[in-house]
PDB file of N, CA and C in Angstrom:
ATOM      1  N   MET A   1      15.912   9.913 -27.742  1.00  0.00           N
ATOM      2  CA  MET A   1      16.135  10.446 -26.416  1.00  0.00           C
ATOM      3  C   MET A   1      14.914  10.132 -25.551  1.00  0.00           C
ATOM      4  N   THR A   2      15.163   9.601 -24.370  1.00  0.00           N
ATOM      5  CA  THR A   2      14.067   9.228 -23.490  1.00  0.00           C
ATOM      6  C   THR A   2      13.645  10.398 -22.611  1.00  0.00           C
ATOM      7  N   ASP A   3      12.395  10.357 -22.224  1.00  0.00           N
ATOM      8  CA  ASP A   3      11.842  11.396 -21.373  1.00  0.00           C
ATOM      9  C   ASP A   3      12.043  10.991 -19.914  1.00  0.00           C
ATOM     10  N   HIS A   4      12.804  11.781 -19.174  1.00  0.00           N
ATOM     11  CA  HIS A   4      13.096  11.454 -17.781  1.00  0.00           C
ATOM     12  C   HIS A   4      12.289  12.287 -16.805  1.00  0.00           C
ATOM     13  N   SER A   5      11.153  12.817 -17.238  1.00  0.00           N
ATOM     14  CA  SER A   5      10.351  13.626 -16.335  1.00  0.00           C
ATOM     15  C   SER A   5       9.405  12.729 -15.542  1.00  0.00           C
ATOM     16  N   LEU A   6       8.799  13.290 -14.527  1.00  0.00           N
ATOM     17  CA  LEU A   6       7.796  12.577 -13.740  1.00  0.00           C
ATOM     18  C   LEU A   6       6.601  13.517 -13.546  1.00  0.00           C
ATOM     19  N   PRO A   7       5.767  13.659 -14.592  1.00  0.00           N
ATOM     20  CA  PRO A   7       4.646  14.602 -14.506  1.00  0.00           C
ATOM     21  C   PRO A   7       3.551  14.102 -13.570  1.00  0.00           C
ATOM     22  N   ARG A   8       2.650  14.977 -13.265  1.00  0.00           N
ATOM     23  CA  ARG A   8       1.545  14.667 -12.352  1.00  0.00           C
ATOM     24  C   ARG A   8       0.683  13.516 -12.872  1.00  0.00           C
ATOM     25  N   THR A   9       0.579  13.378 -14.182  1.00  0.00           N
ATOM     26  CA  THR A   9      -0.244  12.307 -14.756  1.00  0.00           C
ATOM     27  C   THR A   9       0.330  10.924 -14.487  1.00  0.00           C
ATOM     28  N   GLU A  10       1.603  10.839 -14.137  1.00  0.00           N
ATOM     29  CA  GLU A  10       2.237   9.549 -13.846  1.00  0.00           C
ATOM     30  C   GLU A  10       2.285   9.242 -12.358  1.00  0.00           C
ATOM     31  N   ARG A  11       1.639  10.062 -11.546  1.00  0.00           N
ATOM     32  CA  ARG A  11       1.603   9.808 -10.110  1.00  0.00           C
ATOM     33  C   ARG A  11       0.246   9.247  -9.739  1.00  0.00           C
ATOM     34  N   LEU A  12       0.258   8.232  -8.920  1.00  0.00           N
ATOM     35  CA  LEU A  12      -0.969   7.589  -8.469  1.00  0.00           C
ATOM     36  C   LEU A  12      -1.560   8.430  -7.340  1.00  0.00           C
ATOM     37  N   ARG A  13      -2.764   8.988  -7.553  1.00  0.00           N
ATOM     38  CA  ARG A  13      -3.276   9.909  -6.549  1.00  0.00           C
ATOM     39  C   ARG A  13      -4.764   9.766  -6.259  1.00  0.00           C
ATOM     40  N   THR A  14      -5.509   8.984  -7.031  1.00  0.00           N
ATOM     41  CA  THR A  14      -6.933   8.843  -6.739  1.00  0.00           C
ATOM     42  C   THR A  14      -7.155   7.769  -5.676  1.00  0.00           C
ATOM     43  N   PHE A  15      -8.110   8.022  -4.809  1.00  0.00           N
ATOM     44  CA  PHE A  15      -8.378   7.129  -3.696  1.00  0.00           C
ATOM     45  C   PHE A  15      -8.800   5.738  -4.172  1.00  0.00           C
ATOM     46  N   GLY A  16      -9.623   5.680  -5.205  1.00  0.00           N
ATOM     47  CA  GLY A  16     -10.082   4.393  -5.727  1.00  0.00           C
ATOM     48  C   GLY A  16      -8.950   3.558  -6.300  1.00  0.00           C
ATOM     49  N   ALA A  17      -8.040   4.204  -7.015  1.00  0.00           N
ATOM     50  CA  ALA A  17      -6.899   3.476  -7.590  1.00  0.00           C
ATOM     51  C   ALA A  17      -5.959   2.976  -6.498  1.00  0.00           C
ATOM     52  N   ILE A  18      -5.768   3.769  -5.464  1.00  0.00           N
ATOM     53  CA  ILE A  18      -4.900   3.355  -4.360  1.00  0.00           C
ATOM     54  C   ILE A  18      -5.534   2.195  -3.598  1.00  0.00           C
ATOM     55  N   ARG A  19      -6.843   2.264  -3.380  1.00  0.00           N
ATOM     56  CA  ARG A  19      -7.545   1.167  -2.706  1.00  0.00           C
ATOM     57  C   ARG A  19      -7.441  -0.121  -3.524  1.00  0.00           C
ATOM     58  N   ARG A  20      -7.653  -0.028  -4.850  1.00  0.00           N
ATOM     59  CA  ARG A  20      -7.543  -1.197  -5.727  1.00  0.00           C
ATOM     60  C   ARG A  20      -6.125  -1.760  -5.703  1.00  0.00           C
ATOM     61  N   LEU A  21      -5.132  -0.890  -5.721  1.00  0.00           N
ATOM     62  CA  LEU A  21      -3.732  -1.318  -5.708  1.00  0.00           C
ATOM     63  C   LEU A  21      -3.426  -2.149  -4.473  1.00  0.00           C
ATOM     64  N   PHE A  22      -3.776  -1.630  -3.297  1.00  0.00           N
ATOM     65  CA  PHE A  22      -3.450  -2.355  -2.067  1.00  0.00           C
ATOM     66  C   PHE A  22      -4.403  -3.511  -1.797  1.00  0.00           C
ATOM     67  N   GLY A  23      -5.588  -3.490  -2.377  1.00  0.00           N
ATOM     68  CA  GLY A  23      -6.531  -4.584  -2.184  1.00  0.00           C
ATOM     69  C   GLY A  23      -6.280  -5.774  -3.095  1.00  0.00           C
ATOM     70  N   GLN A  24      -5.903  -5.510  -4.359  1.00  0.00           N
ATOM     71  CA  GLN A  24      -5.781  -6.587  -5.335  1.00  0.00           C
ATOM     72  C   GLN A  24      -4.373  -6.750  -5.894  1.00  0.00           C
ATOM     73  N   GLY A  25      -3.446  -5.878  -5.530  1.00  0.00           N
ATOM     74  CA  GLY A  25      -2.112  -5.917  -6.115  1.00  0.00           C
ATOM     75  C   GLY A  25      -1.214  -6.985  -5.525  1.00  0.00           C
ATOM     76  N   ASP A  26      -0.184  -7.323  -6.286  1.00  0.00           N
ATOM     77  CA  ASP A  26       0.842  -8.255  -5.831  1.00  0.00           C
ATOM     78  C   ASP A  26       2.039  -7.451  -5.357  1.00  0.00           C
ATOM     79  N   GLY A  27       2.770  -7.998  -4.415  1.00  0.00           N
ATOM     80  CA  GLY A  27       3.881  -7.238  -3.862  1.00  0.00           C
ATOM     81  C   GLY A  27       5.120  -8.071  -3.659  1.00  0.00           C
ATOM     82  N   GLY A  28       6.110  -7.408  -3.140  1.00  0.00           N
ATOM     83  CA  GLY A  28       7.370  -8.057  -2.843  1.00  0.00           C
ATOM     84  C   GLY A  28       8.279  -7.103  -2.095  1.00  0.00           C
ATOM     85  N   PHE A  29       9.505  -7.556  -1.867  1.00  0.00           N
ATOM     86  CA  PHE A  29      10.466  -6.762  -1.117  1.00  0.00           C
ATOM     87  C   PHE A  29      11.843  -6.886  -1.747  1.00  0.00           C
ATOM     88  N   VAL A  30      12.445  -5.747  -2.002  1.00  0.00           N
ATOM     89  CA  VAL A  30      13.845  -5.673  -2.417  1.00  0.00           C
ATOM     90  C   VAL A  30      14.454  -4.604  -1.522  1.00  0.00           C
ATOM     91  N   TYR A  31      15.382  -4.999  -0.672  1.00  0.00           N
ATOM     92  CA  TYR A  31      15.927  -4.075   0.319  1.00  0.00           C
ATOM     93  C   TYR A  31      16.396  -2.800  -0.345  1.00  0.00           C
ATOM     94  N   PRO A  32      16.010  -1.660   0.155  1.00  0.00           N
ATOM     95  CA  PRO A  32      15.201  -1.284   1.313  1.00  0.00           C
ATOM     96  C   PRO A  32      13.761  -0.943   0.971  1.00  0.00           C
ATOM     97  N   LEU A  33      13.253  -1.402  -0.161  1.00  0.00           N
ATOM     98  CA  LEU A  33      11.907  -1.014  -0.602  1.00  0.00           C
ATOM     99  C   LEU A  33      10.954  -2.201  -0.627  1.00  0.00           C
ATOM    100  N   ARG A  34       9.729  -1.944  -0.210  1.00  0.00           N
ATOM    101  CA  ARG A  34       8.626  -2.880  -0.401  1.00  0.00           C
ATOM    102  C   ARG A  34       7.811  -2.311  -1.552  1.00  0.00           C
ATOM    103  N   TYR A  35       7.298  -3.178  -2.397  1.00  0.00           N
ATOM    104  CA  TYR A  35       6.519  -2.683  -3.527  1.00  0.00           C
ATOM    105  C   TYR A  35       5.220  -3.456  -3.668  1.00  0.00           C
ATOM    106  N   VAL A  36       4.225  -2.762  -4.202  1.00  0.00           N
ATOM    107  CA  VAL A  36       2.930  -3.361  -4.526  1.00  0.00           C
ATOM    108  C   VAL A  36       2.622  -2.939  -5.946  1.00  0.00           C
ATOM    109  N   CYS A  37       2.249  -3.904  -6.784  1.00  0.00           N
ATOM    110  CA  CYS A  37       2.013  -3.626  -8.195  1.00  0.00           C
ATOM    111  C   CYS A  37       0.684  -4.236  -8.620  1.00  0.00           C
ATOM    112  N   TYR A  38      -0.076  -3.456  -9.386  1.00  0.00           N
ATOM    113  CA  TYR A  38      -1.351  -3.924  -9.935  1.00  0.00           C
ATOM    114  C   TYR A  38      -1.340  -3.638 -11.432  1.00  0.00           C
ATOM    115  N   THR A  39      -1.598  -4.652 -12.239  1.00  0.00           N
ATOM    116  CA  THR A  39      -1.625  -4.463 -13.685  1.00  0.00           C
ATOM    117  C   THR A  39      -3.013  -4.794 -14.216  1.00  0.00           C
ATOM    118  N   GLU A  40      -3.396  -4.041 -15.241  1.00  0.00           N
ATOM    119  CA  GLU A  40      -4.685  -4.253 -15.896  1.00  0.00           C
ATOM    120  C   GLU A  40      -4.433  -4.273 -17.392  1.00  0.00           C
ATOM    121  N   ALA A  41      -4.780  -5.374 -18.052  1.00  0.00           N
ATOM    122  CA  ALA A  41      -4.423  -5.580 -19.449  1.00  0.00           C
ATOM    123  C   ALA A  41      -5.369  -4.926 -20.446  1.00  0.00           C
ATOM    124  N   ASP A  42      -6.473  -4.381 -20.015  1.00  0.00           N
ATOM    125  CA  ASP A  42      -7.462  -3.860 -20.942  1.00  0.00           C
ATOM    126  C   ASP A  42      -7.161  -2.460 -21.462  1.00  0.00           C
ATOM    127  N   GLU A  43      -6.282  -1.746 -20.824  1.00  0.00           N
ATOM    128  CA  GLU A  43      -6.067  -0.352 -21.165  1.00  0.00           C
ATOM    129  C   GLU A  43      -4.780  -0.165 -21.969  1.00  0.00           C
ATOM    130  N   ALA A  44      -4.622   1.018 -22.513  1.00  0.00           N
ATOM    131  CA  ALA A  44      -3.369   1.371 -23.183  1.00  0.00           C
ATOM    132  C   ALA A  44      -2.288   1.541 -22.124  1.00  0.00           C
ATOM    133  N   PHE A  45      -1.036   1.531 -22.559  1.00  0.00           N
ATOM    134  CA  PHE A  45       0.071   1.607 -21.612  1.00  0.00           C
ATOM    135  C   PHE A  45       0.005   2.885 -20.790  1.00  0.00           C
ATOM    136  N   GLY A  46       0.231   2.726 -19.530  1.00  0.00           N
ATOM    137  CA  GLY A  46       0.317   3.856 -18.619  1.00  0.00           C
ATOM    138  C   GLY A  46       0.838   3.343 -17.293  1.00  0.00           C
ATOM    139  N   ALA A  47       1.793   4.029 -16.733  1.00  0.00           N
ATOM    140  CA  ALA A  47       2.329   3.639 -15.440  1.00  0.00           C
ATOM    141  C   ALA A  47       2.122   4.791 -14.471  1.00  0.00           C
ATOM    142  N   GLU A  48       1.491   4.486 -13.358  1.00  0.00           N
ATOM    143  CA  GLU A  48       1.305   5.468 -12.299  1.00  0.00           C
ATOM    144  C   GLU A  48       1.981   4.930 -11.055  1.00  0.00           C
ATOM    145  N   VAL A  49       2.655   5.809 -10.335  1.00  0.00           N
ATOM    146  CA  VAL A  49       3.454   5.369  -9.199  1.00  0.00           C
ATOM    147  C   VAL A  49       3.160   6.222  -7.969  1.00  0.00           C
ATOM    148  N   LEU A  50       3.279   5.593  -6.804  1.00  0.00           N
ATOM    149  CA  LEU A  50       3.075   6.244  -5.517  1.00  0.00           C
ATOM    150  C   LEU A  50       4.328   5.998  -4.682  1.00  0.00           C
ATOM    151  N   PHE A  51       4.831   7.012  -4.014  1.00  0.00           N
ATOM    152  CA  PHE A  51       6.023   6.901  -3.177  1.00  0.00           C
ATOM    153  C   PHE A  51       5.623   7.139  -1.736  1.00  0.00           C
ATOM    154  N   SER A  52       6.131   6.310  -0.813  1.00  0.00           N
ATOM    155  CA  SER A  52       5.778   6.466   0.584  1.00  0.00           C
ATOM    156  C   SER A  52       6.968   6.137   1.474  1.00  0.00           C
ATOM    157  N   VAL A  53       7.148   6.963   2.508  1.00  0.00           N
ATOM    158  CA  VAL A  53       8.130   6.699   3.557  1.00  0.00           C
ATOM    159  C   VAL A  53       7.364   6.822   4.873  1.00  0.00           C
ATOM    160  N   PRO A  54       7.104   5.705   5.553  1.00  0.00           N
ATOM    161  CA  PRO A  54       6.266   5.738   6.749  1.00  0.00           C
ATOM    162  C   PRO A  54       6.891   6.525   7.904  1.00  0.00           C
ATOM    163  N   LYS A  55       6.028   7.197   8.617  1.00  0.00           N
ATOM    164  CA  LYS A  55       6.441   7.968   9.782  1.00  0.00           C
ATOM    165  C   LYS A  55       6.860   7.056  10.937  1.00  0.00           C
ATOM    166  N   LYS A  56       6.478   5.799  10.868  1.00  0.00           N
ATOM    167  CA  LYS A  56       6.792   4.845  11.930  1.00  0.00           C
ATOM    168  C   LYS A  56       8.296   4.704  12.144  1.00  0.00           C
ATOM    169  N   PHE A  57       9.064   4.689  11.047  1.00  0.00           N
ATOM    170  CA  PHE A  57      10.507   4.493  11.159  1.00  0.00           C
ATOM    171  C   PHE A  57      11.297   5.789  11.125  1.00  0.00           C
ATOM    172  N   HIS A  58      10.787   6.803  10.458  1.00  0.00           N
ATOM    173  CA  HIS A  58      11.505   8.074  10.295  1.00  0.00           C
ATOM    174  C   HIS A  58      10.599   9.202  10.772  1.00  0.00           C
ATOM    175  N   LYS A  59      10.821   9.627  11.997  1.00  0.00           N
ATOM    176  CA  LYS A  59       9.940  10.615  12.623  1.00  0.00           C
ATOM    177  C   LYS A  59      10.119  12.017  12.043  1.00  0.00           C
ATOM    178  N   ARG A  60      11.334  12.340  11.623  1.00  0.00           N
ATOM    179  CA  ARG A  60      11.605  13.687  11.137  1.00  0.00           C
ATOM    180  C   ARG A  60      11.222  13.820   9.665  1.00  0.00           C
ATOM    181  N   ALA A  61      10.483  14.879   9.352  1.00  0.00           N
ATOM    182  CA  ALA A  61       9.998  15.085   7.987  1.00  0.00           C
ATOM    183  C   ALA A  61      11.144  15.267   6.999  1.00  0.00           C
ATOM    184  N   ASN A  62      12.239  15.898   7.435  1.00  0.00           N
ATOM    185  CA  ASN A  62      13.347  16.108   6.499  1.00  0.00           C
ATOM    186  C   ASN A  62      13.982  14.782   6.074  1.00  0.00           C
ATOM    187  N   LYS A  63      14.005  13.799   6.956  1.00  0.00           N
ATOM    188  CA  LYS A  63      14.539  12.475   6.591  1.00  0.00           C
ATOM    189  C   LYS A  63      13.585  11.755   5.645  1.00  0.00           C
ATOM    190  N   ARG A  64      12.284  11.854   5.923  1.00  0.00           N
ATOM    191  CA  ARG A  64      11.301  11.237   5.021  1.00  0.00           C
ATOM    192  C   ARG A  64      11.361  11.872   3.641  1.00  0.00           C
ATOM    193  N   ASN A  65      11.482  13.181   3.590  1.00  0.00           N
ATOM    194  CA  ASN A  65      11.576  13.873   2.305  1.00  0.00           C
ATOM    195  C   ASN A  65      12.834  13.476   1.545  1.00  0.00           C
ATOM    196  N   LEU A  66      13.945  13.329   2.237  1.00  0.00           N
ATOM    197  CA  LEU A  66      15.200  12.908   1.599  1.00  0.00           C
ATOM    198  C   LEU A  66      15.043  11.533   0.952  1.00  0.00           C
ATOM    199  N   LEU A  67      14.481  10.592   1.696  1.00  0.00           N
ATOM    200  CA  LEU A  67      14.312   9.235   1.169  1.00  0.00           C
ATOM    201  C   LEU A  67      13.293   9.205   0.037  1.00  0.00           C
ATOM    202  N   ARG A  68      12.239   9.996   0.133  1.00  0.00           N
ATOM    203  CA  ARG A  68      11.243  10.061  -0.942  1.00  0.00           C
ATOM    204  C   ARG A  68      11.862  10.651  -2.202  1.00  0.00           C
ATOM    205  N   ARG A  69      12.665  11.701  -2.052  1.00  0.00           N
ATOM    206  CA  ARG A  69      13.330  12.306  -3.220  1.00  0.00           C
ATOM    207  C   ARG A  69      14.292  11.328  -3.874  1.00  0.00           C
ATOM    208  N   ARG A  70      15.041  10.572  -3.086  1.00  0.00           N
ATOM    209  CA  ARG A  70      15.966   9.581  -3.653  1.00  0.00           C
ATOM    210  C   ARG A  70      15.209   8.502  -4.414  1.00  0.00           C
ATOM    211  N   THR A  71      14.102   8.056  -3.861  1.00  0.00           N
ATOM    212  CA  THR A  71      13.310   7.021  -4.532  1.00  0.00           C
ATOM    213  C   THR A  71      12.691   7.555  -5.819  1.00  0.00           C
ATOM    214  N   LYS A  72      12.166   8.774  -5.781  1.00  0.00           N
ATOM    215  CA  LYS A  72      11.594   9.380  -6.982  1.00  0.00           C
ATOM    216  C   LYS A  72      12.630   9.528  -8.083  1.00  0.00           C
ATOM    217  N   GLU A  73      13.818   9.966  -7.720  1.00  0.00           N
ATOM    218  CA  GLU A  73      14.884  10.159  -8.707  1.00  0.00           C
ATOM    219  C   GLU A  73      15.271   8.831  -9.355  1.00  0.00           C
ATOM    220  N   ALA A  74      15.412   7.788  -8.542  1.00  0.00           N
ATOM    221  CA  ALA A  74      15.772   6.480  -9.087  1.00  0.00           C
ATOM    222  C   ALA A  74      14.686   5.971 -10.028  1.00  0.00           C
ATOM    223  N   TYR A  75      13.423   6.133  -9.650  1.00  0.00           N
ATOM    224  CA  TYR A  75      12.334   5.698 -10.525  1.00  0.00           C
ATOM    225  C   TYR A  75      12.312   6.506 -11.808  1.00  0.00           C
ATOM    226  N   ARG A  76      12.467   7.801 -11.687  1.00  0.00           N
ATOM    227  CA  ARG A  76      12.415   8.694 -12.852  1.00  0.00           C
ATOM    228  C   ARG A  76      13.467   8.305 -13.885  1.00  0.00           C
ATOM    229  N   LEU A  77      14.647   7.917 -13.434  1.00  0.00           N
ATOM    230  CA  LEU A  77      15.720   7.567 -14.355  1.00  0.00           C
ATOM    231  C   LEU A  77      15.570   6.176 -14.953  1.00  0.00           C
ATOM    232  N   HIS A  78      14.858   5.283 -14.271  1.00  0.00           N
ATOM    233  CA  HIS A  78      14.761   3.895 -14.740  1.00  0.00           C
ATOM    234  C   HIS A  78      13.365   3.487 -15.184  1.00  0.00           C
ATOM    235  N   LYS A  79      12.431   4.425 -15.277  1.00  0.00           N
ATOM    236  CA  LYS A  79      11.062   4.062 -15.650  1.00  0.00           C
ATOM    237  C   LYS A  79      10.957   3.569 -17.090  1.00  0.00           C
ATOM    238  N   ALA A  80      11.959   3.814 -17.903  1.00  0.00           N
ATOM    239  CA  ALA A  80      11.945   3.319 -19.285  1.00  0.00           C
ATOM    240  C   ALA A  80      11.972   1.790 -19.335  1.00  0.00           C
ATOM    241  N   LEU A  81      12.404   1.138 -18.262  1.00  0.00           N
ATOM    242  CA  LEU A  81      12.401  -0.325 -18.219  1.00  0.00           C
ATOM    243  C   LEU A  81      10.986  -0.886 -18.344  1.00  0.00           C
ATOM    244  N   LEU A  82       9.993  -0.126 -17.899  1.00  0.00           N
ATOM    245  CA  LEU A  82       8.604  -0.599 -17.983  1.00  0.00           C
ATOM    246  C   LEU A  82       8.105  -0.652 -19.417  1.00  0.00           C
ATOM    247  N   ARG A  83       8.692   0.129 -20.302  1.00  0.00           N
ATOM    248  CA  ARG A  83       8.254   0.167 -21.699  1.00  0.00           C
ATOM    249  C   ARG A  83       8.998  -0.816 -22.597  1.00  0.00           C
ATOM    250  N   GLU A  84       9.998  -1.517 -22.063  1.00  0.00           N
ATOM    251  CA  GLU A  84      10.821  -2.401 -22.894  1.00  0.00           C
ATOM    252  C   GLU A  84      10.040  -3.516 -23.553  1.00  0.00           C
ATOM    253  N   GLY A  85       9.195  -4.203 -22.793  1.00  0.00           N
ATOM    254  CA  GLY A  85       8.464  -5.338 -23.350  1.00  0.00           C
ATOM    255  C   GLY A  85       7.318  -4.924 -24.248  1.00  0.00           C
ATOM    256  N   GLU A  86       6.937  -3.648 -24.226  1.00  0.00           N
ATOM    257  CA  GLU A  86       5.831  -3.099 -25.006  1.00  0.00           C
ATOM    258  C   GLU A  86       4.508  -3.830 -24.794  1.00  0.00           C
ATOM    259  N   PRO A  87       4.216  -4.292 -23.581  1.00  0.00           N
ATOM    260  CA  PRO A  87       2.883  -4.845 -23.368  1.00  0.00           C
ATOM    261  C   PRO A  87       1.896  -3.703 -23.201  1.00  0.00           C
ATOM    262  N   ARG A  88       0.680  -3.904 -23.630  1.00  0.00           N
ATOM    263  CA  ARG A  88      -0.346  -2.880 -23.499  1.00  0.00           C
ATOM    264  C   ARG A  88      -1.101  -3.118 -22.194  1.00  0.00           C
ATOM    265  N   VAL A  89      -0.529  -2.672 -21.109  1.00  0.00           N
ATOM    266  CA  VAL A  89      -1.149  -2.809 -19.804  1.00  0.00           C
ATOM    267  C   VAL A  89      -1.022  -1.497 -19.046  1.00  0.00           C
ATOM    268  N   ALA A  90      -1.936  -1.309 -18.133  1.00  0.00           N
ATOM    269  CA  ALA A  90      -1.841  -0.183 -17.210  1.00  0.00           C
ATOM    270  C   ALA A  90      -1.203  -0.703 -15.929  1.00  0.00           C
ATOM    271  N   ILE A  91      -0.206  -0.018 -15.437  1.00  0.00           N
ATOM    272  CA  ILE A  91       0.531  -0.455 -14.257  1.00  0.00           C
ATOM    273  C   ILE A  91       0.364   0.591 -13.160  1.00  0.00           C
ATOM    274  N   ASP A  92      -0.089   0.140 -11.998  1.00  0.00           N
ATOM    275  CA  ASP A  92      -0.099   0.966 -10.794  1.00  0.00           C
ATOM    276  C   ASP A  92       0.954   0.390  -9.858  1.00  0.00           C
ATOM    277  N   LEU A  93       1.789   1.251  -9.313  1.00  0.00           N
ATOM    278  CA  LEU A  93       2.923   0.794  -8.515  1.00  0.00           C
ATOM    279  C   LEU A  93       3.070   1.660  -7.280  1.00  0.00           C
ATOM    280  N   ALA A  94       3.289   1.028  -6.136  1.00  0.00           N
ATOM    281  CA  ALA A  94       3.593   1.740  -4.895  1.00  0.00           C
ATOM    282  C   ALA A  94       4.979   1.315  -4.446  1.00  0.00           C
ATOM    283  N   LEU A  95       5.846   2.281  -4.200  1.00  0.00           N
ATOM    284  CA  LEU A  95       7.186   2.025  -3.675  1.00  0.00           C
ATOM    285  C   LEU A  95       7.225   2.559  -2.244  1.00  0.00           C
ATOM    286  N   ILE A  96       7.408   1.656  -1.293  1.00  0.00           N
ATOM    287  CA  ILE A  96       7.354   2.006   0.123  1.00  0.00           C
ATOM    288  C   ILE A  96       8.720   1.727   0.737  1.00  0.00           C
ATOM    289  N   TYR A  97       9.318   2.757   1.287  1.00  0.00           N
ATOM    290  CA  TYR A  97      10.626   2.614   1.930  1.00  0.00           C
ATOM    291  C   TYR A  97      10.413   1.893   3.254  1.00  0.00           C
ATOM    292  N   ALA A  98      11.073   0.753   3.456  1.00  0.00           N
ATOM    293  CA  ALA A  98      10.779  -0.095   4.608  1.00  0.00           C
ATOM    294  C   ALA A  98      11.948  -0.302   5.553  1.00  0.00           C
ATOM    295  N   ALA A  99      13.065   0.355   5.343  1.00  0.00           N
ATOM    296  CA  ALA A  99      14.223   0.168   6.223  1.00  0.00           C
ATOM    297  C   ALA A  99      14.219   1.214   7.330  1.00  0.00           C
ATOM    298  N   ARG A 100      14.789   0.853   8.459  1.00  0.00           N
ATOM    299  CA  ARG A 100      14.853   1.778   9.585  1.00  0.00           C
ATOM    300  C   ARG A 100      15.975   2.801   9.429  1.00  0.00           C
ATOM    301  N   GLU A 101      17.024   2.438   8.713  1.00  0.00           N
ATOM    302  CA  GLU A 101      18.154   3.347   8.546  1.00  0.00           C
ATOM    303  C   GLU A 101      18.062   4.061   7.200  1.00  0.00           C
ATOM    304  N   ILE A 102      18.772   5.156   7.095  1.00  0.00           N
ATOM    305  CA  ILE A 102      18.818   5.912   5.846  1.00  0.00           C
ATOM    306  C   ILE A 102      19.909   5.304   4.974  1.00  0.00           C
ATOM    307  N   THR A 103      19.524   4.819   3.808  1.00  0.00           N
ATOM    308  CA  THR A 103      20.494   4.208   2.896  1.00  0.00           C
ATOM    309  C   THR A 103      20.900   5.202   1.827  1.00  0.00           C
ATOM    310  N   ASP A 104      22.033   4.934   1.201  1.00  0.00           N
ATOM    311  CA  ASP A 104      22.531   5.842   0.170  1.00  0.00           C
ATOM    312  C   ASP A 104      21.739   5.666  -1.130  1.00  0.00           C
ATOM    313  N   TYR A 105      21.943   6.601  -2.038  1.00  0.00           N
ATOM    314  CA  TYR A 105      21.190   6.627  -3.294  1.00  0.00           C
ATOM    315  C   TYR A 105      21.458   5.385  -4.139  1.00  0.00           C
ATOM    316  N   LYS A 106      22.696   4.920  -4.173  1.00  0.00           N
ATOM    317  CA  LYS A 106      23.039   3.756  -5.014  1.00  0.00           C
ATOM    318  C   LYS A 106      22.240   2.515  -4.613  1.00  0.00           C
ATOM    319  N   THR A 107      22.060   2.309  -3.326  1.00  0.00           N
ATOM    320  CA  THR A 107      21.283   1.158  -2.853  1.00  0.00           C
ATOM    321  C   THR A 107      19.824   1.280  -3.269  1.00  0.00           C
ATOM    322  N   ILE A 108      19.263   2.466  -3.119  1.00  0.00           N
ATOM    323  CA  ILE A 108      17.869   2.696  -3.514  1.00  0.00           C
ATOM    324  C   ILE A 108      17.710   2.542  -5.021  1.00  0.00           C
ATOM    325  N   GLU A 109      18.656   3.078  -5.787  1.00  0.00           N
ATOM    326  CA  GLU A 109      18.596   2.977  -7.244  1.00  0.00           C
ATOM    327  C   GLU A 109      18.644   1.519  -7.696  1.00  0.00           C
ATOM    328  N   HIS A 110      19.525   0.734  -7.087  1.00  0.00           N
ATOM    329  CA  HIS A 110      19.635  -0.682  -7.432  1.00  0.00           C
ATOM    330  C   HIS A 110      18.324  -1.411  -7.116  1.00  0.00           C
ATOM    331  N   ALA A 111      17.715  -1.100  -5.975  1.00  0.00           N
ATOM    332  CA  ALA A 111      16.458  -1.737  -5.594  1.00  0.00           C
ATOM    333  C   ALA A 111      15.337  -1.371  -6.569  1.00  0.00           C
ATOM    334  N   VAL A 112      15.242  -0.103  -6.950  1.00  0.00           N
ATOM    335  CA  VAL A 112      14.198   0.321  -7.886  1.00  0.00           C
ATOM    336  C   VAL A 112      14.376  -0.372  -9.234  1.00  0.00           C
ATOM    337  N   ARG A 113      15.618  -0.455  -9.708  1.00  0.00           N
ATOM    338  CA  ARG A 113      15.884  -1.121 -10.985  1.00  0.00           C
ATOM    339  C   ARG A 113      15.465  -2.593 -10.924  1.00  0.00           C
ATOM    340  N   ARG A 114      15.790  -3.282  -9.824  1.00  0.00           N
ATOM    341  CA  ARG A 114      15.412  -4.692  -9.689  1.00  0.00           C
ATOM    342  C   ARG A 114      13.891  -4.863  -9.616  1.00  0.00           C
ATOM    343  N   ILE A 115      13.222  -3.949  -8.941  1.00  0.00           N
ATOM    344  CA  ILE A 115      11.759  -4.011  -8.855  1.00  0.00           C
ATOM    345  C   ILE A 115      11.139  -3.850 -10.234  1.00  0.00           C
ATOM    346  N   LEU A 116      11.593  -2.867 -10.995  1.00  0.00           N
ATOM    347  CA  LEU A 116      11.046  -2.642 -12.334  1.00  0.00           C
ATOM    348  C   LEU A 116      11.333  -3.829 -13.248  1.00  0.00           C
ATOM    349  N   GLU A 117      12.503  -4.449 -13.113  1.00  0.00           N
ATOM    350  CA  GLU A 117      12.806  -5.637 -13.909  1.00  0.00           C
ATOM    351  C   GLU A 117      11.889  -6.790 -13.552  1.00  0.00           C
ATOM    352  N   ARG A 118      11.600  -6.969 -12.246  1.00  0.00           N
ATOM    353  CA  ARG A 118      10.678  -8.034 -11.826  1.00  0.00           C
ATOM    354  C   ARG A 118       9.275  -7.811 -12.390  1.00  0.00           C
ATOM    355  N   ILE A 119       8.838  -6.564 -12.389  1.00  0.00           N
ATOM    356  CA  ILE A 119       7.504  -6.251 -12.911  1.00  0.00           C
ATOM    357  C   ILE A 119       7.430  -6.562 -14.398  1.00  0.00           C
ATOM    358  N   VAL A 120       8.456  -6.195 -15.151  1.00  0.00           N
ATOM    359  CA  VAL A 120       8.472  -6.463 -16.600  1.00  0.00           C
ATOM    360  C   VAL A 120       8.492  -7.965 -16.867  1.00  0.00           C
ATOM    361  N   GLN A 121       9.248  -8.722 -16.078  1.00  0.00           N
ATOM    362  CA  GLN A 121       9.289 -10.177 -16.254  1.00  0.00           C
ATOM    363  C   GLN A 121       7.954 -10.828 -15.925  1.00  0.00           C
ATOM    364  N   GLY A 122       7.225 -10.234 -14.991  1.00  0.00           N
ATOM    365  CA  GLY A 122       5.941 -10.798 -14.594  1.00  0.00           C
ATOM    366  C   GLY A 122       4.808 -10.531 -15.558  1.00  0.00           C
ATOM    367  N   LEU A 123       5.017  -9.628 -16.512  1.00  0.00           N
ATOM    368  CA  LEU A 123       3.950  -9.286 -17.461  1.00  0.00           C
ATOM    369  C   LEU A 123       3.787 -10.343 -18.465  1.00  0.00           C
TER     370      LEU A 123
END
């Protein structure tokens, strides 16, 4: 049975790690999400993730919270894809909602799954 939780230890929250992620990470776009990923091969496996919905496109906090919750749920259910290849790397990941309109959960879930598959293939 897989663990579908998203504890605090799996969230990217230190300023230095976030700076390193956006400074040295590789990125891409899968509608409606933009992603930035940084991997480090020296450490034991660990994936930390950051979720963001910019205020530029969604002014109301309730809409930003809705999109952030949908993205978190999709990641939480599909994060096991990162462990499939069993590489011993530390992964920092930022998922940024980049569409102007509010999309349904299925679209976000499909995008998150494709992003995680791309990351695993790139390892």
